[in-house]
Amino acid sequence: IEQCDRFTTVLVVRKSPEVPDPLVEVLTDAGLNVLGPVDTARAALVIAAQAAPDLALVAPELSGRRDGAELARCLQDTWGVPAVILPGA
């Protein structure tokens, strides 16, 4: 959060997107454009292709076939989007 000025658009990917997330509120309050949250790697990749986020915040466990680490690698390799795996998310 201290380095928010480096980013304008952040993609949030976690297993339960329907549950309110204080992280999304903090990011929005910091003036960032928040994409998501979404719960699958597939949805995250579609958003990354369309919206070009500056950063992805990814939970280790996701719905669907891929886990957070695989999604993080794919976001970086395919779209150049750095990803942070959120501990305990």
N, C-alpha and C. Protein backbone atom coordinates (compact mmCIF):
# COMPACT_ATOMS: atom_id res chain seq x y z
N ILE A 1 0.84 -1.20 0.00
CA ILE A 1 0.00 0.00 0.00
C ILE A 1 0.87 1.25 0.00
N GLU A 2 2.04 1.17 0.65
CA GLU A 2 2.92 2.34 0.71
C GLU A 2 3.39 2.75 -0.69
N GLN A 3 3.40 1.81 -1.63
CA GLN A 3 3.90 2.10 -2.97
C GLN A 3 2.77 2.24 -3.99
N CYS A 4 1.59 2.60 -3.53
CA CYS A 4 0.42 2.71 -4.41
C CYS A 4 0.62 3.73 -5.52
N ASP A 5 1.46 4.70 -5.30
CA ASP A 5 1.65 5.72 -6.33
C ASP A 5 2.31 5.15 -7.59
N ARG A 6 2.87 3.95 -7.50
CA ARG A 6 3.47 3.30 -8.66
C ARG A 6 2.43 2.64 -9.56
N PHE A 7 1.22 2.46 -9.05
CA PHE A 7 0.19 1.72 -9.77
C PHE A 7 -1.08 2.55 -9.89
N THR A 8 -1.83 2.32 -10.96
CA THR A 8 -3.12 2.98 -11.11
C THR A 8 -4.26 1.97 -11.14
N THR A 9 -3.99 0.77 -11.66
CA THR A 9 -5.03 -0.24 -11.81
C THR A 9 -4.54 -1.57 -11.23
N VAL A 10 -5.30 -2.10 -10.28
CA VAL A 10 -4.92 -3.34 -9.59
C VAL A 10 -6.02 -4.37 -9.79
N LEU A 11 -5.62 -5.57 -10.16
CA LEU A 11 -6.53 -6.70 -10.31
C LEU A 11 -6.49 -7.53 -9.02
N VAL A 12 -7.66 -7.80 -8.44
CA VAL A 12 -7.74 -8.60 -7.22
C VAL A 12 -8.39 -9.94 -7.57
N VAL A 13 -7.67 -11.03 -7.22
CA VAL A 13 -8.15 -12.38 -7.52
C VAL A 13 -8.14 -13.19 -6.22
N ARG A 14 -9.33 -13.64 -5.83
CA ARG A 14 -9.44 -14.44 -4.61
C ARG A 14 -10.61 -15.38 -4.72
N LYS A 15 -10.65 -16.39 -3.87
CA LYS A 15 -11.60 -17.49 -4.01
C LYS A 15 -13.06 -17.08 -3.77
N SER A 16 -13.33 -16.14 -2.90
CA SER A 16 -14.71 -15.77 -2.57
C SER A 16 -14.95 -14.29 -2.88
N PRO A 17 -15.17 -13.95 -4.15
CA PRO A 17 -15.31 -12.53 -4.50
C PRO A 17 -16.58 -11.89 -3.97
N GLU A 18 -17.58 -12.69 -3.59
CA GLU A 18 -18.84 -12.11 -3.12
C GLU A 18 -18.76 -11.63 -1.67
N VAL A 19 -17.74 -12.06 -0.94
CA VAL A 19 -17.56 -11.62 0.44
C VAL A 19 -16.88 -10.26 0.44
N PRO A 20 -17.38 -9.29 1.21
CA PRO A 20 -16.73 -7.97 1.25
C PRO A 20 -15.25 -8.11 1.62
N ASP A 21 -14.43 -7.33 0.97
CA ASP A 21 -12.99 -7.42 1.15
C ASP A 21 -12.43 -6.08 1.59
N PRO A 22 -11.88 -6.01 2.81
CA PRO A 22 -11.29 -4.75 3.26
C PRO A 22 -10.14 -4.29 2.37
N LEU A 23 -9.44 -5.22 1.74
CA LEU A 23 -8.33 -4.85 0.85
C LEU A 23 -8.84 -4.00 -0.31
N VAL A 24 -9.95 -4.39 -0.90
CA VAL A 24 -10.52 -3.62 -2.01
C VAL A 24 -10.86 -2.22 -1.54
N GLU A 25 -11.41 -2.10 -0.36
CA GLU A 25 -11.75 -0.77 0.18
C GLU A 25 -10.50 0.08 0.39
N VAL A 26 -9.44 -0.52 0.92
CA VAL A 26 -8.19 0.21 1.14
C VAL A 26 -7.61 0.68 -0.19
N LEU A 27 -7.61 -0.19 -1.18
CA LEU A 27 -7.07 0.17 -2.49
C LEU A 27 -7.88 1.28 -3.14
N THR A 28 -9.19 1.17 -3.05
CA THR A 28 -10.07 2.20 -3.61
C THR A 28 -9.87 3.52 -2.90
N ASP A 29 -9.78 3.48 -1.57
CA ASP A 29 -9.56 4.70 -0.80
C ASP A 29 -8.22 5.35 -1.14
N ALA A 30 -7.26 4.53 -1.57
CA ALA A 30 -5.94 5.05 -1.96
C ALA A 30 -5.97 5.65 -3.36
N GLY A 31 -7.13 5.59 -4.02
CA GLY A 31 -7.27 6.19 -5.34
C GLY A 31 -6.97 5.26 -6.50
N LEU A 32 -6.88 3.97 -6.23
CA LEU A 32 -6.58 3.02 -7.30
C LEU A 32 -7.86 2.52 -7.97
N ASN A 33 -7.75 2.21 -9.23
CA ASN A 33 -8.82 1.56 -9.96
C ASN A 33 -8.70 0.07 -9.67
N VAL A 34 -9.71 -0.52 -9.05
CA VAL A 34 -9.67 -1.93 -8.67
C VAL A 34 -10.53 -2.74 -9.64
N LEU A 35 -9.91 -3.75 -10.23
CA LEU A 35 -10.61 -4.68 -11.11
C LEU A 35 -10.89 -5.94 -10.31
N GLY A 36 -12.13 -6.36 -10.27
CA GLY A 36 -12.49 -7.53 -9.48
C GLY A 36 -13.06 -7.12 -8.14
N PRO A 37 -13.06 -8.01 -7.21
CA PRO A 37 -12.35 -9.29 -7.25
C PRO A 37 -13.05 -10.33 -8.13
N VAL A 38 -12.22 -11.20 -8.70
CA VAL A 38 -12.69 -12.37 -9.43
C VAL A 38 -12.10 -13.60 -8.76
N ASP A 39 -12.69 -14.78 -9.05
CA ASP A 39 -12.28 -15.97 -8.31
C ASP A 39 -11.57 -17.03 -9.13
N THR A 40 -11.42 -16.83 -10.42
CA THR A 40 -10.74 -17.84 -11.24
C THR A 40 -9.62 -17.21 -12.06
N ALA A 41 -8.65 -18.05 -12.38
CA ALA A 41 -7.56 -17.60 -13.23
C ALA A 41 -8.09 -17.20 -14.61
N ARG A 42 -9.05 -17.94 -15.09
CA ARG A 42 -9.62 -17.64 -16.41
C ARG A 42 -10.21 -16.23 -16.45
N ALA A 43 -11.01 -15.88 -15.46
CA ALA A 43 -11.59 -14.54 -15.40
C ALA A 43 -10.50 -13.48 -15.27
N ALA A 44 -9.49 -13.77 -14.47
CA ALA A 44 -8.40 -12.81 -14.28
C ALA A 44 -7.64 -12.58 -15.58
N LEU A 45 -7.42 -13.64 -16.35
CA LEU A 45 -6.69 -13.49 -17.61
C LEU A 45 -7.50 -12.72 -18.63
N VAL A 46 -8.81 -12.91 -18.66
CA VAL A 46 -9.66 -12.14 -19.56
C VAL A 46 -9.58 -10.66 -19.21
N ILE A 47 -9.67 -10.35 -17.93
CA ILE A 47 -9.59 -8.96 -17.49
C ILE A 47 -8.22 -8.37 -17.82
N ALA A 48 -7.16 -9.14 -17.58
CA ALA A 48 -5.81 -8.64 -17.87
C ALA A 48 -5.65 -8.33 -19.36
N ALA A 49 -6.25 -9.14 -20.21
CA ALA A 49 -6.16 -8.91 -21.65
C ALA A 49 -6.90 -7.65 -22.06
N GLN A 50 -8.00 -7.34 -21.37
CA GLN A 50 -8.83 -6.21 -21.76
C GLN A 50 -8.44 -4.91 -21.07
N ALA A 51 -7.99 -4.99 -19.83
CA ALA A 51 -7.82 -3.77 -19.03
C ALA A 51 -6.38 -3.43 -18.68
N ALA A 52 -5.44 -4.30 -18.93
CA ALA A 52 -4.02 -4.06 -18.67
C ALA A 52 -3.74 -3.52 -17.27
N PRO A 53 -4.00 -4.30 -16.23
CA PRO A 53 -3.70 -3.84 -14.87
C PRO A 53 -2.20 -3.65 -14.68
N ASP A 54 -1.84 -2.79 -13.72
CA ASP A 54 -0.43 -2.55 -13.39
C ASP A 54 0.09 -3.59 -12.41
N LEU A 55 -0.82 -4.20 -11.66
CA LEU A 55 -0.46 -5.13 -10.60
C LEU A 55 -1.62 -6.07 -10.36
N ALA A 56 -1.31 -7.31 -9.98
CA ALA A 56 -2.35 -8.27 -9.57
C ALA A 56 -2.06 -8.72 -8.15
N LEU A 57 -3.09 -8.73 -7.33
CA LEU A 57 -3.02 -9.27 -5.98
C LEU A 57 -3.80 -10.57 -6.00
N VAL A 58 -3.12 -11.68 -5.74
CA VAL A 58 -3.68 -13.00 -6.00
C VAL A 58 -3.63 -13.87 -4.74
N ALA A 59 -4.76 -14.48 -4.41
CA ALA A 59 -4.81 -15.45 -3.31
C ALA A 59 -4.15 -16.74 -3.77
N PRO A 60 -3.56 -17.49 -2.84
CA PRO A 60 -2.91 -18.75 -3.22
C PRO A 60 -3.90 -19.80 -3.74
N GLU A 61 -5.10 -19.83 -3.18
CA GLU A 61 -6.13 -20.79 -3.59
C GLU A 61 -7.22 -20.05 -4.35
N LEU A 62 -7.57 -20.58 -5.53
CA LEU A 62 -8.60 -19.97 -6.36
C LEU A 62 -9.64 -21.03 -6.71
N SER A 63 -10.79 -20.58 -7.17
CA SER A 63 -11.76 -21.50 -7.75
C SER A 63 -11.23 -21.88 -9.13
N GLY A 64 -11.65 -23.01 -9.63
CA GLY A 64 -11.19 -23.43 -10.95
C GLY A 64 -9.96 -24.30 -10.88
N ARG A 65 -9.35 -24.53 -12.03
CA ARG A 65 -8.24 -25.47 -12.14
C ARG A 65 -6.89 -24.92 -11.68
N ARG A 66 -6.64 -23.66 -11.91
CA ARG A 66 -5.32 -23.09 -11.61
C ARG A 66 -5.27 -22.51 -10.21
N ASP A 67 -4.08 -22.57 -9.62
CA ASP A 67 -3.90 -21.93 -8.31
C ASP A 67 -3.28 -20.55 -8.51
N GLY A 68 -3.10 -19.84 -7.42
CA GLY A 68 -2.60 -18.48 -7.48
C GLY A 68 -1.20 -18.36 -8.06
N ALA A 69 -0.33 -19.31 -7.72
CA ALA A 69 1.05 -19.25 -8.21
C ALA A 69 1.09 -19.43 -9.73
N GLU A 70 0.29 -20.34 -10.25
CA GLU A 70 0.23 -20.54 -11.70
C GLU A 70 -0.33 -19.30 -12.40
N LEU A 71 -1.36 -18.72 -11.82
CA LEU A 71 -1.92 -17.49 -12.39
C LEU A 71 -0.88 -16.37 -12.37
N ALA A 72 -0.18 -16.22 -11.27
CA ALA A 72 0.83 -15.16 -11.17
C ALA A 72 1.88 -15.30 -12.26
N ARG A 73 2.36 -16.52 -12.50
CA ARG A 73 3.34 -16.76 -13.57
C ARG A 73 2.76 -16.41 -14.94
N CYS A 74 1.53 -16.82 -15.17
CA CYS A 74 0.89 -16.57 -16.46
C CYS A 74 0.67 -15.07 -16.69
N LEU A 75 0.23 -14.35 -15.68
CA LEU A 75 0.04 -12.90 -15.81
C LEU A 75 1.36 -12.22 -16.17
N GLN A 76 2.44 -12.63 -15.50
CA GLN A 76 3.75 -12.02 -15.77
C GLN A 76 4.25 -12.40 -17.16
N ASP A 77 4.18 -13.69 -17.48
CA ASP A 77 4.73 -14.16 -18.75
C ASP A 77 3.93 -13.68 -19.96
N THR A 78 2.60 -13.63 -19.84
CA THR A 78 1.76 -13.29 -20.98
C THR A 78 1.53 -11.80 -21.13
N TRP A 79 1.26 -11.12 -20.02
CA TRP A 79 0.86 -9.72 -20.08
C TRP A 79 1.84 -8.77 -19.42
N GLY A 80 2.89 -9.29 -18.79
CA GLY A 80 3.85 -8.42 -18.11
C GLY A 80 3.31 -7.80 -16.86
N VAL A 81 2.27 -8.42 -16.29
CA VAL A 81 1.63 -7.89 -15.07
C VAL A 81 2.29 -8.56 -13.86
N PRO A 82 2.97 -7.77 -13.02
CA PRO A 82 3.53 -8.36 -11.81
C PRO A 82 2.40 -8.76 -10.87
N ALA A 83 2.62 -9.86 -10.16
CA ALA A 83 1.60 -10.36 -9.24
C ALA A 83 2.21 -10.61 -7.87
N VAL A 84 1.42 -10.34 -6.86
CA VAL A 84 1.80 -10.59 -5.48
C VAL A 84 0.85 -11.65 -4.94
N ILE A 85 1.39 -12.72 -4.40
CA ILE A 85 0.55 -13.74 -3.76
C ILE A 85 0.27 -13.25 -2.35
N LEU A 86 -1.01 -13.16 -2.02
CA LEU A 86 -1.42 -12.65 -0.72
C LEU A 86 -1.42 -13.77 0.32
N PRO A 87 -0.62 -13.63 1.36
CA PRO A 87 -0.60 -14.66 2.38
C PRO A 87 -1.92 -14.69 3.15
N GLY A 88 -2.41 -15.89 3.37
CA GLY A 88 -3.62 -16.04 4.18
C GLY A 88 -4.88 -15.52 3.53
N ALA A 89 -4.85 -15.25 2.24
CA ALA A 89 -6.05 -14.72 1.57
C ALA A 89 -6.95 -15.84 1.10
